[in-house]
Amino acid sequence: MTSDPVAIPVSRPPVVLLGMHRSGTSLIARVLDALGLFQGHELQEDHESTYFLKVNDRLMTRIGAAWDNPGPTRGFLENAAALDLTARCLLADLRSKRLKDFLGAKRYAAADRALANLAGPWGWKDPRTVFTLPAWLKLFPGAKLVYIVRNGIDVAASLRVRELRELARRDAEFPKKLKQLNKHSVLERAGFKGSARCLTVAGGFGLWEEYVAEAERLLAAVPNERLVVSYEAFLADPAAHLPPLAAFCGLDAPPDAVAKAAAGVNAGRSKAFLKDPELAAFYQKVRGHVWMKQYGYDKLA
């Protein structure tokens, strides 16, 4: 146990799911949820805990960072005073009624308003935690880390699809928004609001490189138990990878439940970029990059 004054007493250490956006973290989170890992009373469609997402996003926004511009977060939390202040703020919120936002009213009451009394394995998934992890480890020094990694080309392609879809939606709504009468400017009502960086494959790939570099840097610097999960390997044989993952997370799921969860995994999204000539050509340009080689993605084609 640590003597850090901001560490929170917990019934068991949380399981923190780490990984770049669109790297399969949602899939892993959903599977673990089905097997009994509590990840929050309120979850987004991508299975991100709204509580931890909002805190991470607020932390980044206040220092001029964002999910697609995370760099300032690293520099900020490398400052000992900034890290300590941030951790004390997080601690105060989790010791207040705000904890109910994560646990929900029933769990909050059952746990007598404290994580020390929370029953069962628990944790959260939010890719921003790759950069905010130093602050959370001040509170949860024994956290168990699950790091999910996926080929950067598929990540970048998925990000581009999402952002282009949002741009097209805004464009289609422009005539209607233009006619609206309210106090906001047309740009505020109808302009694109998303990640300009991820509108291109190159931009999304560069962001992937930032996330995996930071994840590897942090994992090398902390002693926490960790499990690295290859998204592609998991998709190829979920029945083989799921039992050790569940055991690592402290889930005592019956074999039939594990088999059912594994059977629901769709393996068709692995190495999807190879089917697209543009993406395949981009892959040839970046396959020699350090992290592509580190994870063996330089040998896919």
C-alpha atoms as a PDB file:
ATOM      1  CA  MET A   1       0.000   0.000   0.000  1.00  0.00           C
ATOM      2  CA  THR A   2       1.068   3.553  -0.658  1.00  0.00           C
ATOM      3  CA  SER A   3       1.372   6.290   1.937  1.00  0.00           C
ATOM      4  CA  ASP A   4       0.204   8.911  -0.541  1.00  0.00           C
ATOM      5  CA  PRO A   5      -2.326  11.094   1.328  1.00  0.00           C
ATOM      6  CA  VAL A   6      -4.636  11.346  -1.693  1.00  0.00           C
ATOM      7  CA  ALA A   7      -4.997   7.596  -2.241  1.00  0.00           C
ATOM      8  CA  ILE A   8      -8.625   6.449  -1.822  1.00  0.00           C
ATOM      9  CA  PRO A   9      -9.418   3.317   0.177  1.00  0.00           C
ATOM     10  CA  VAL A  10     -11.120   0.827  -2.159  1.00  0.00           C
ATOM     11  CA  SER A  11     -12.625  -2.617  -1.734  1.00  0.00           C
ATOM     12  CA  ARG A  12     -10.488  -3.746  -4.650  1.00  0.00           C
ATOM     13  CA  PRO A  13      -8.343  -1.824  -7.140  1.00  0.00           C
ATOM     14  CA  PRO A  14     -10.118  -0.579 -10.257  1.00  0.00           C
ATOM     15  CA  VAL A  15      -9.514  -2.029 -13.702  1.00  0.00           C
ATOM     16  CA  VAL A  16      -8.591   0.823 -16.049  1.00  0.00           C
ATOM     17  CA  LEU A  17      -9.053   0.165 -19.763  1.00  0.00           C
ATOM     18  CA  LEU A  18      -6.475   2.101 -21.760  1.00  0.00           C
ATOM     19  CA  GLY A  19      -6.086   2.568 -25.494  1.00  0.00           C
ATOM     20  CA  MET A  20      -6.423   4.988 -28.357  1.00  0.00           C
ATOM     21  CA  HIS A  21      -9.889   6.000 -29.544  1.00  0.00           C
ATOM     22  CA  ARG A  22     -11.380   3.502 -32.031  1.00  0.00           C
ATOM     23  CA  SER A  23      -8.891   0.837 -30.932  1.00  0.00           C
ATOM     24  CA  GLY A  24     -11.387  -1.740 -29.776  1.00  0.00           C
ATOM     25  CA  THR A  25     -11.679  -0.412 -26.248  1.00  0.00           C
ATOM     26  CA  SER A  26     -15.480  -0.285 -26.604  1.00  0.00           C
ATOM     27  CA  LEU A  27     -15.622  -3.921 -27.656  1.00  0.00           C
ATOM     28  CA  ILE A  28     -13.474  -5.053 -24.744  1.00  0.00           C
ATOM     29  CA  ALA A  29     -15.451  -2.871 -22.326  1.00  0.00           C
ATOM     30  CA  ARG A  30     -18.775  -4.329 -23.488  1.00  0.00           C
ATOM     31  CA  VAL A  31     -17.533  -7.903 -23.198  1.00  0.00           C
ATOM     32  CA  LEU A  32     -16.194  -7.291 -19.694  1.00  0.00           C
ATOM     33  CA  ASP A  33     -19.430  -5.569 -18.725  1.00  0.00           C
ATOM     34  CA  ALA A  34     -21.357  -8.654 -19.814  1.00  0.00           C
ATOM     35  CA  LEU A  35     -19.132 -10.721 -17.542  1.00  0.00           C
ATOM     36  CA  GLY A  36     -19.692  -8.502 -14.526  1.00  0.00           C
ATOM     37  CA  LEU A  37     -17.203  -5.625 -14.559  1.00  0.00           C
ATOM     38  CA  PHE A  38     -19.040  -2.534 -13.304  1.00  0.00           C
ATOM     39  CA  GLN A  39     -17.917   0.483 -15.341  1.00  0.00           C
ATOM     40  CA  GLY A  40     -20.387   3.118 -14.323  1.00  0.00           C
ATOM     41  CA  HIS A  41     -24.076   3.716 -13.775  1.00  0.00           C
ATOM     42  CA  GLU A  42     -24.274   5.843 -16.908  1.00  0.00           C
ATOM     43  CA  LEU A  43     -22.417   4.755 -20.023  1.00  0.00           C
ATOM     44  CA  GLN A  44     -22.208   6.292 -23.475  1.00  0.00           C
ATOM     45  CA  GLU A  45     -22.959   4.247 -26.572  1.00  0.00           C
ATOM     46  CA  ASP A  46     -19.225   3.550 -26.856  1.00  0.00           C
ATOM     47  CA  HIS A  47     -19.297   2.223 -23.278  1.00  0.00           C
ATOM     48  CA  GLU A  48     -17.335   5.118 -21.853  1.00  0.00           C
ATOM     49  CA  SER A  49     -18.210   6.039 -18.292  1.00  0.00           C
ATOM     50  CA  THR A  50     -19.794   9.477 -18.493  1.00  0.00           C
ATOM     51  CA  TYR A  51     -18.361  10.302 -15.073  1.00  0.00           C
ATOM     52  CA  PHE A  52     -14.717   9.635 -15.904  1.00  0.00           C
ATOM     53  CA  LEU A  53     -15.106  10.974 -19.445  1.00  0.00           C
ATOM     54  CA  LYS A  54     -16.456  14.291 -18.170  1.00  0.00           C
ATOM     55  CA  VAL A  55     -13.718  14.605 -15.549  1.00  0.00           C
ATOM     56  CA  ASN A  56     -10.964  13.784 -18.049  1.00  0.00           C
ATOM     57  CA  ASP A  57     -12.441  16.118 -20.643  1.00  0.00           C
ATOM     58  CA  ARG A  58     -12.777  18.926 -18.109  1.00  0.00           C
ATOM     59  CA  LEU A  59      -9.188  18.434 -16.978  1.00  0.00           C
ATOM     60  CA  MET A  60      -7.946  18.656 -20.573  1.00  0.00           C
ATOM     61  CA  THR A  61     -10.137  21.615 -21.515  1.00  0.00           C
ATOM     62  CA  ARG A  62      -8.972  23.695 -18.558  1.00  0.00           C
ATOM     63  CA  ILE A  63      -5.337  23.464 -19.697  1.00  0.00           C
ATOM     64  CA  GLY A  64      -5.942  23.974 -23.412  1.00  0.00           C
ATOM     65  CA  ALA A  65      -5.838  20.311 -24.376  1.00  0.00           C
ATOM     66  CA  ALA A  66      -8.428  18.006 -25.951  1.00  0.00           C
ATOM     67  CA  TRP A  67      -8.861  14.357 -26.843  1.00  0.00           C
ATOM     68  CA  ASP A  68      -7.393  15.058 -30.278  1.00  0.00           C
ATOM     69  CA  ASN A  69      -4.731  17.437 -28.941  1.00  0.00           C
ATOM     70  CA  PRO A  70      -3.657  15.626 -25.766  1.00  0.00           C
ATOM     71  CA  GLY A  71      -0.022  16.736 -25.631  1.00  0.00           C
ATOM     72  CA  PRO A  72      -0.441  19.604 -23.124  1.00  0.00           C
ATOM     73  CA  THR A  73      -1.846  17.124 -20.600  1.00  0.00           C
ATOM     74  CA  ARG A  74       1.438  15.250 -20.426  1.00  0.00           C
ATOM     75  CA  GLY A  75       3.445  18.398 -19.755  1.00  0.00           C
ATOM     76  CA  PHE A  76       0.951  19.640 -17.185  1.00  0.00           C
ATOM     77  CA  LEU A  77       0.900  16.435 -15.145  1.00  0.00           C
ATOM     78  CA  GLU A  78       4.700  16.178 -15.249  1.00  0.00           C
ATOM     79  CA  ASN A  79       4.681  19.243 -12.993  1.00  0.00           C
ATOM     80  CA  ALA A  80       4.608  17.844  -9.436  1.00  0.00           C
ATOM     81  CA  ALA A  81       2.554  20.722  -8.027  1.00  0.00           C
ATOM     82  CA  ALA A  82       0.032  20.554 -10.861  1.00  0.00           C
ATOM     83  CA  LEU A  83      -0.289  16.787 -10.474  1.00  0.00           C
ATOM     84  CA  ASP A  84      -0.798  17.086  -6.721  1.00  0.00           C
ATOM     85  CA  LEU A  85      -3.440  19.806  -7.039  1.00  0.00           C
ATOM     86  CA  THR A  86      -5.279  17.837  -9.722  1.00  0.00           C
ATOM     87  CA  ALA A  87      -5.245  14.666  -7.633  1.00  0.00           C
ATOM     88  CA  ARG A  88      -6.594  16.532  -4.602  1.00  0.00           C
ATOM     89  CA  CYS A  89      -9.432  17.928  -6.714  1.00  0.00           C
ATOM     90  CA  LEU A  90     -10.317  14.457  -7.999  1.00  0.00           C
ATOM     91  CA  LEU A  91     -10.154  13.101  -4.468  1.00  0.00           C
ATOM     92  CA  ALA A  92     -12.519  15.742  -3.122  1.00  0.00           C
ATOM     93  CA  ASP A  93     -15.082  15.031  -5.826  1.00  0.00           C
ATOM     94  CA  LEU A  94     -14.980  11.259  -5.285  1.00  0.00           C
ATOM     95  CA  ARG A  95     -15.477  11.804  -1.557  1.00  0.00           C
ATOM     96  CA  SER A  96     -18.499  14.000  -2.219  1.00  0.00           C
ATOM     97  CA  LYS A  97     -21.988  13.273  -3.510  1.00  0.00           C
ATOM     98  CA  ARG A  98     -20.530  13.391  -7.005  1.00  0.00           C
ATOM     99  CA  LEU A  99     -19.584   9.753  -6.505  1.00  0.00           C
ATOM    100  CA  LYS A 100     -23.279   9.027  -7.038  1.00  0.00           C
ATOM    101  CA  ASP A 101     -22.842  10.127 -10.678  1.00  0.00           C
ATOM    102  CA  PHE A 102     -20.538   7.144 -11.172  1.00  0.00           C
ATOM    103  CA  LEU A 103     -22.207   4.579  -8.935  1.00  0.00           C
ATOM    104  CA  GLY A 104     -25.846   5.462  -9.413  1.00  0.00           C
ATOM    105  CA  ALA A 105     -28.245   5.945  -6.508  1.00  0.00           C
ATOM    106  CA  LYS A 106     -28.650   2.260  -5.573  1.00  0.00           C
ATOM    107  CA  ARG A 107     -24.941   1.384  -5.569  1.00  0.00           C
ATOM    108  CA  TYR A 108     -24.129   4.658  -3.850  1.00  0.00           C
ATOM    109  CA  ALA A 109     -26.489   3.782  -1.007  1.00  0.00           C
ATOM    110  CA  ALA A 110     -25.418   0.136  -0.875  1.00  0.00           C
ATOM    111  CA  ALA A 111     -21.765   1.163  -0.666  1.00  0.00           C
ATOM    112  CA  ASP A 112     -22.555   3.647   2.093  1.00  0.00           C
ATOM    113  CA  ARG A 113     -21.293   6.459  -0.151  1.00  0.00           C
ATOM    114  CA  ALA A 114     -17.714   5.143  -0.396  1.00  0.00           C
ATOM    115  CA  LEU A 115     -15.673   3.176  -2.920  1.00  0.00           C
ATOM    116  CA  ALA A 116     -14.214   1.248   0.011  1.00  0.00           C
ATOM    117  CA  ASN A 117     -17.548  -0.547   0.308  1.00  0.00           C
ATOM    118  CA  LEU A 118     -18.263  -1.132  -3.383  1.00  0.00           C
ATOM    119  CA  ALA A 119     -19.024  -4.793  -4.057  1.00  0.00           C
ATOM    120  CA  GLY A 120     -17.504  -6.594  -7.024  1.00  0.00           C
ATOM    121  CA  PRO A 121     -14.922  -5.786  -9.689  1.00  0.00           C
ATOM    122  CA  TRP A 122     -15.135  -2.288 -11.091  1.00  0.00           C
ATOM    123  CA  GLY A 123     -13.285   0.115 -13.340  1.00  0.00           C
ATOM    124  CA  TRP A 124     -13.765   2.411 -16.304  1.00  0.00           C
ATOM    125  CA  LYS A 125     -12.973   2.973 -19.945  1.00  0.00           C
ATOM    126  CA  ASP A 126     -12.116   6.346 -21.450  1.00  0.00           C
ATOM    127  CA  PRO A 127      -9.248   6.701 -23.956  1.00  0.00           C
ATOM    128  CA  ARG A 128      -8.349  10.109 -22.500  1.00  0.00           C
ATOM    129  CA  THR A 129      -7.116   8.228 -19.444  1.00  0.00           C
ATOM    130  CA  VAL A 130      -3.983   7.371 -21.444  1.00  0.00           C
ATOM    131  CA  PHE A 131      -2.919  10.970 -20.771  1.00  0.00           C
ATOM    132  CA  THR A 132      -4.612  11.604 -17.419  1.00  0.00           C
ATOM    133  CA  LEU A 133      -3.480   8.315 -15.848  1.00  0.00           C
ATOM    134  CA  PRO A 134      -0.810   9.887 -13.569  1.00  0.00           C
ATOM    135  CA  ALA A 135      -3.536  11.775 -11.700  1.00  0.00           C
ATOM    136  CA  TRP A 136      -5.751   8.708 -11.326  1.00  0.00           C
ATOM    137  CA  LEU A 137      -2.855   6.587 -10.105  1.00  0.00           C
ATOM    138  CA  LYS A 138      -2.369   9.057  -7.262  1.00  0.00           C
ATOM    139  CA  LEU A 139      -5.882   8.100  -6.140  1.00  0.00           C
ATOM    140  CA  PHE A 140      -5.743   4.431  -7.130  1.00  0.00           C
ATOM    141  CA  PRO A 141      -2.074   3.381  -6.921  1.00  0.00           C
ATOM    142  CA  GLY A 142      -2.974  -0.312  -7.161  1.00  0.00           C
ATOM    143  CA  ALA A 143      -5.083   0.030 -10.314  1.00  0.00           C
ATOM    144  CA  LYS A 144      -4.891  -2.857 -12.770  1.00  0.00           C
ATOM    145  CA  LEU A 145      -4.269  -1.716 -16.336  1.00  0.00           C
ATOM    146  CA  VAL A 146      -5.654  -3.293 -19.496  1.00  0.00           C
ATOM    147  CA  TYR A 147      -4.004  -1.769 -22.561  1.00  0.00           C
ATOM    148  CA  ILE A 148      -5.718  -2.394 -25.892  1.00  0.00           C
ATOM    149  CA  VAL A 149      -3.823  -1.702 -29.108  1.00  0.00           C
ATOM    150  CA  ARG A 150      -5.063  -1.757 -32.709  1.00  0.00           C
ATOM    151  CA  ASN A 151      -3.420  -1.115 -36.064  1.00  0.00           C
ATOM    152  CA  GLY A 152      -3.077   2.648 -36.523  1.00  0.00           C
ATOM    153  CA  ILE A 153      -4.371   2.581 -40.102  1.00  0.00           C
ATOM    154  CA  ASP A 154      -7.691   1.063 -39.108  1.00  0.00           C
ATOM    155  CA  VAL A 155      -7.904   3.492 -36.190  1.00  0.00           C
ATOM    156  CA  ALA A 156      -7.291   6.487 -38.441  1.00  0.00           C
ATOM    157  CA  ALA A 157      -9.755   5.232 -41.050  1.00  0.00           C
ATOM    158  CA  SER A 158     -12.456   4.745 -38.435  1.00  0.00           C
ATOM    159  CA  LEU A 159     -11.875   8.237 -37.054  1.00  0.00           C
ATOM    160  CA  ARG A 160     -12.070   9.752 -40.538  1.00  0.00           C
ATOM    161  CA  VAL A 161     -15.366   7.984 -41.275  1.00  0.00           C
ATOM    162  CA  ARG A 162     -16.849   9.336 -38.065  1.00  0.00           C
ATOM    163  CA  GLU A 163     -15.722  12.921 -38.637  1.00  0.00           C
ATOM    164  CA  LEU A 164     -16.719  12.961 -42.318  1.00  0.00           C
ATOM    165  CA  ARG A 165     -20.144  11.663 -41.331  1.00  0.00           C
ATOM    166  CA  GLU A 166     -20.501  14.538 -38.880  1.00  0.00           C
ATOM    167  CA  LEU A 167     -19.357  17.050 -41.505  1.00  0.00           C
ATOM    168  CA  ALA A 168     -21.912  15.687 -43.977  1.00  0.00           C
ATOM    169  CA  ARG A 169     -24.651  15.853 -41.354  1.00  0.00           C
ATOM    170  CA  ARG A 170     -23.879  19.484 -40.604  1.00  0.00           C
ATOM    171  CA  ASP A 171     -23.802  20.293 -44.310  1.00  0.00           C
ATOM    172  CA  ALA A 172     -27.189  18.656 -44.865  1.00  0.00           C
ATOM    173  CA  GLU A 173     -28.715  20.569 -41.965  1.00  0.00           C
ATOM    174  CA  PHE A 174     -27.328  23.935 -43.076  1.00  0.00           C
ATOM    175  CA  PRO A 175     -30.429  25.191 -44.958  1.00  0.00           C
ATOM    176  CA  LYS A 176     -32.674  24.495 -41.969  1.00  0.00           C
ATOM    177  CA  LYS A 177     -30.206  25.945 -39.476  1.00  0.00           C
ATOM    178  CA  LEU A 178     -29.806  29.055 -41.626  1.00  0.00           C
ATOM    179  CA  LYS A 179     -33.501  29.845 -41.292  1.00  0.00           C
ATOM    180  CA  GLN A 180     -33.549  29.509 -37.517  1.00  0.00           C
ATOM    181  CA  LEU A 181     -33.902  32.675 -35.519  1.00  0.00           C
ATOM    182  CA  ASN A 182     -31.939  32.684 -32.280  1.00  0.00           C
ATOM    183  CA  LYS A 183     -29.124  34.537 -30.571  1.00  0.00           C
ATOM    184  CA  HIS A 184     -26.351  32.262 -31.850  1.00  0.00           C
ATOM    185  CA  SER A 185     -24.381  32.988 -35.010  1.00  0.00           C
ATOM    186  CA  VAL A 186     -24.808  30.785 -38.084  1.00  0.00           C
ATOM    187  CA  LEU A 187     -21.328  29.387 -37.494  1.00  0.00           C
ATOM    188  CA  GLU A 188     -22.337  28.311 -33.997  1.00  0.00           C
ATOM    189  CA  ARG A 189     -25.607  26.805 -35.203  1.00  0.00           C
ATOM    190  CA  ALA A 190     -24.476  25.144 -38.397  1.00  0.00           C
ATOM    191  CA  GLY A 191     -20.685  24.987 -38.569  1.00  0.00           C
ATOM    192  CA  PHE A 192     -18.690  21.793 -38.215  1.00  0.00           C
ATOM    193  CA  LYS A 193     -17.918  20.836 -34.650  1.00  0.00           C
ATOM    194  CA  GLY A 194     -15.553  17.923 -34.411  1.00  0.00           C
ATOM    195  CA  SER A 195     -11.948  16.943 -34.936  1.00  0.00           C
ATOM    196  CA  ALA A 196     -10.405  18.723 -37.917  1.00  0.00           C
ATOM    197  CA  ARG A 197      -7.263  16.674 -37.311  1.00  0.00           C
ATOM    198  CA  CYS A 198      -9.102  13.392 -37.837  1.00  0.00           C
ATOM    199  CA  LEU A 199     -10.743  14.411 -41.108  1.00  0.00           C
ATOM    200  CA  THR A 200      -7.642  12.951 -42.764  1.00  0.00           C
ATOM    201  CA  VAL A 201      -6.057   9.528 -42.386  1.00  0.00           C
ATOM    202  CA  ALA A 202      -2.653  11.126 -41.831  1.00  0.00           C
ATOM    203  CA  GLY A 203      -4.041  13.256 -39.017  1.00  0.00           C
ATOM    204  CA  GLY A 204      -5.721  10.326 -37.297  1.00  0.00           C
ATOM    205  CA  PHE A 205      -2.630   8.169 -37.687  1.00  0.00           C
ATOM    206  CA  GLY A 206      -0.463  10.848 -36.103  1.00  0.00           C
ATOM    207  CA  LEU A 207      -2.869  10.996 -33.172  1.00  0.00           C
ATOM    208  CA  TRP A 208      -2.657   7.205 -32.810  1.00  0.00           C
ATOM    209  CA  GLU A 209       1.117   7.512 -32.624  1.00  0.00           C
ATOM    210  CA  GLU A 210       0.784  10.090 -29.825  1.00  0.00           C
ATOM    211  CA  TYR A 211      -1.512   7.857 -27.803  1.00  0.00           C
ATOM    212  CA  VAL A 212       0.505   4.678 -28.118  1.00  0.00           C
ATOM    213  CA  ALA A 213       3.752   6.513 -27.366  1.00  0.00           C
ATOM    214  CA  GLU A 214       2.249   7.955 -24.198  1.00  0.00           C
ATOM    215  CA  ALA A 215       0.723   4.639 -23.168  1.00  0.00           C
ATOM    216  CA  GLU A 216       4.048   2.856 -23.574  1.00  0.00           C
ATOM    217  CA  ARG A 217       5.887   5.621 -21.708  1.00  0.00           C
ATOM    218  CA  LEU A 218       3.536   5.401 -18.741  1.00  0.00           C
ATOM    219  CA  LEU A 219       3.449   1.614 -18.668  1.00  0.00           C
ATOM    220  CA  ALA A 220       7.231   1.567 -18.543  1.00  0.00           C
ATOM    221  CA  ALA A 221       7.237   4.025 -15.632  1.00  0.00           C
ATOM    222  CA  VAL A 222       4.727   2.381 -13.263  1.00  0.00           C
ATOM    223  CA  PRO A 223       4.769  -0.996 -11.480  1.00  0.00           C
ATOM    224  CA  ASN A 224       1.051  -1.680 -11.810  1.00  0.00           C
ATOM    225  CA  GLU A 225      -0.193  -5.057 -12.985  1.00  0.00           C
ATOM    226  CA  ARG A 226      -1.050  -4.831 -16.661  1.00  0.00           C
ATOM    227  CA  LEU A 227      -2.372  -6.911 -19.508  1.00  0.00           C
ATOM    228  CA  VAL A 228      -1.742  -5.913 -23.113  1.00  0.00           C
ATOM    229  CA  VAL A 229      -4.498  -6.945 -25.516  1.00  0.00           C
ATOM    230  CA  SER A 230      -4.013  -6.978 -29.280  1.00  0.00           C
ATOM    231  CA  TYR A 231      -7.334  -6.076 -30.871  1.00  0.00           C
ATOM    232  CA  GLU A 232      -6.555  -8.169 -33.934  1.00  0.00           C
ATOM    233  CA  ALA A 233      -5.487 -11.200 -31.894  1.00  0.00           C
ATOM    234  CA  PHE A 234      -8.586 -10.895 -29.719  1.00  0.00           C
ATOM    235  CA  LEU A 235     -10.861 -10.803 -32.769  1.00  0.00           C
ATOM    236  CA  ALA A 236      -9.087 -13.780 -34.301  1.00  0.00           C
ATOM    237  CA  ASP A 237      -9.696 -16.014 -31.271  1.00  0.00           C
ATOM    238  CA  PRO A 238     -11.866 -14.412 -28.587  1.00  0.00           C
ATOM    239  CA  ALA A 239     -12.512 -17.772 -26.930  1.00  0.00           C
ATOM    240  CA  ALA A 240      -8.800 -18.100 -26.173  1.00  0.00           C
ATOM    241  CA  HIS A 241      -8.175 -14.513 -25.091  1.00  0.00           C
ATOM    242  CA  LEU A 242     -11.281 -13.833 -23.039  1.00  0.00           C
ATOM    243  CA  PRO A 243     -10.735 -16.251 -20.095  1.00  0.00           C
ATOM    244  CA  PRO A 244      -7.326 -14.810 -19.086  1.00  0.00           C
ATOM    245  CA  LEU A 245      -8.676 -11.281 -19.567  1.00  0.00           C
ATOM    246  CA  ALA A 246     -11.662 -12.014 -17.330  1.00  0.00           C
ATOM    247  CA  ALA A 247      -9.405 -13.598 -14.710  1.00  0.00           C
ATOM    248  CA  PHE A 248      -7.076 -10.585 -14.766  1.00  0.00           C
ATOM    249  CA  CYS A 249     -10.054  -8.325 -14.086  1.00  0.00           C
ATOM    250  CA  GLY A 250     -11.152 -10.457 -11.158  1.00  0.00           C
ATOM    251  CA  LEU A 251     -14.308 -11.697 -12.872  1.00  0.00           C
ATOM    252  CA  ASP A 252     -15.576 -15.054 -11.684  1.00  0.00           C
ATOM    253  CA  ALA A 253     -17.743 -15.662 -14.732  1.00  0.00           C
ATOM    254  CA  PRO A 254     -19.012 -19.186 -15.471  1.00  0.00           C
ATOM    255  CA  PRO A 255     -17.579 -20.856 -18.602  1.00  0.00           C
ATOM    256  CA  ASP A 256     -20.894 -20.701 -20.459  1.00  0.00           C
ATOM    257  CA  ALA A 257     -21.082 -16.923 -19.931  1.00  0.00           C
ATOM    258  CA  VAL A 258     -17.526 -16.509 -21.208  1.00  0.00           C
ATOM    259  CA  ALA A 259     -18.321 -18.679 -24.239  1.00  0.00           C
ATOM    260  CA  LYS A 260     -21.456 -16.647 -24.979  1.00  0.00           C
ATOM    261  CA  ALA A 261     -19.542 -13.371 -24.754  1.00  0.00           C
ATOM    262  CA  ALA A 262     -16.815 -14.711 -27.041  1.00  0.00           C
ATOM    263  CA  ALA A 263     -19.355 -15.930 -29.570  1.00  0.00           C
ATOM    264  CA  GLY A 264     -20.773 -12.429 -29.882  1.00  0.00           C
ATOM    265  CA  VAL A 265     -17.498 -10.923 -31.109  1.00  0.00           C
ATOM    266  CA  ASN A 266     -17.459  -9.916 -34.789  1.00  0.00           C
ATOM    267  CA  ALA A 267     -14.068 -10.740 -36.308  1.00  0.00           C
ATOM    268  CA  GLY A 268     -14.795  -8.985 -39.602  1.00  0.00           C
ATOM    269  CA  ARG A 269     -13.271  -5.646 -38.565  1.00  0.00           C
ATOM    270  CA  SER A 270      -9.708  -6.929 -38.281  1.00  0.00           C
ATOM    271  CA  LYS A 271      -7.236  -5.511 -40.848  1.00  0.00           C
ATOM    272  CA  ALA A 272     -10.097  -3.807 -42.682  1.00  0.00           C
ATOM    273  CA  PHE A 273      -7.717  -1.277 -44.262  1.00  0.00           C
ATOM    274  CA  LEU A 274      -6.267  -3.923 -46.598  1.00  0.00           C
ATOM    275  CA  LYS A 275      -9.545  -3.901 -48.558  1.00  0.00           C
ATOM    276  CA  ASP A 276      -9.208  -0.187 -49.384  1.00  0.00           C
ATOM    277  CA  PRO A 277      -6.598   0.786 -52.041  1.00  0.00           C
ATOM    278  CA  GLU A 278      -6.098   4.275 -50.573  1.00  0.00           C
ATOM    279  CA  LEU A 279      -5.543   2.934 -47.075  1.00  0.00           C
ATOM    280  CA  ALA A 280      -3.327   0.125 -48.314  1.00  0.00           C
ATOM    281  CA  ALA A 281      -1.141   2.698 -50.092  1.00  0.00           C
ATOM    282  CA  PHE A 282      -0.936   4.833 -46.951  1.00  0.00           C
ATOM    283  CA  TYR A 283       0.009   1.740 -44.993  1.00  0.00           C
ATOM    284  CA  GLN A 284       3.015   1.203 -47.249  1.00  0.00           C
ATOM    285  CA  LYS A 285       4.194   4.727 -46.380  1.00  0.00           C
ATOM    286  CA  VAL A 286       3.978   4.295 -42.616  1.00  0.00           C
ATOM    287  CA  ARG A 287       4.482   0.591 -42.005  1.00  0.00           C
ATOM    288  CA  GLY A 288       8.103   1.258 -41.008  1.00  0.00           C
ATOM    289  CA  HIS A 289       7.193   3.768 -38.285  1.00  0.00           C
ATOM    290  CA  VAL A 290       8.432   2.834 -34.834  1.00  0.00           C
ATOM    291  CA  TRP A 291       5.104   1.839 -33.290  1.00  0.00           C
ATOM    292  CA  MET A 292       3.944  -0.069 -36.367  1.00  0.00           C
ATOM    293  CA  LYS A 293       7.109  -2.136 -36.051  1.00  0.00           C
ATOM    294  CA  GLN A 294       6.808  -2.355 -32.258  1.00  0.00           C
ATOM    295  CA  TYR A 295       3.412  -4.077 -32.506  1.00  0.00           C
ATOM    296  CA  GLY A 296       4.222  -6.157 -35.564  1.00  0.00           C
ATOM    297  CA  TYR A 297       1.950  -4.187 -37.879  1.00  0.00           C
ATOM    298  CA  ASP A 298       4.763  -3.777 -40.396  1.00  0.00           C
ATOM    299  CA  LYS A 299       4.309  -7.389 -41.499  1.00  0.00           C
ATOM    300  CA  LEU A 300       0.626  -7.422 -42.408  1.00  0.00           C
ATOM    301  CA  ALA A 301       1.000  -7.048 -46.194  1.00  0.00           C
END
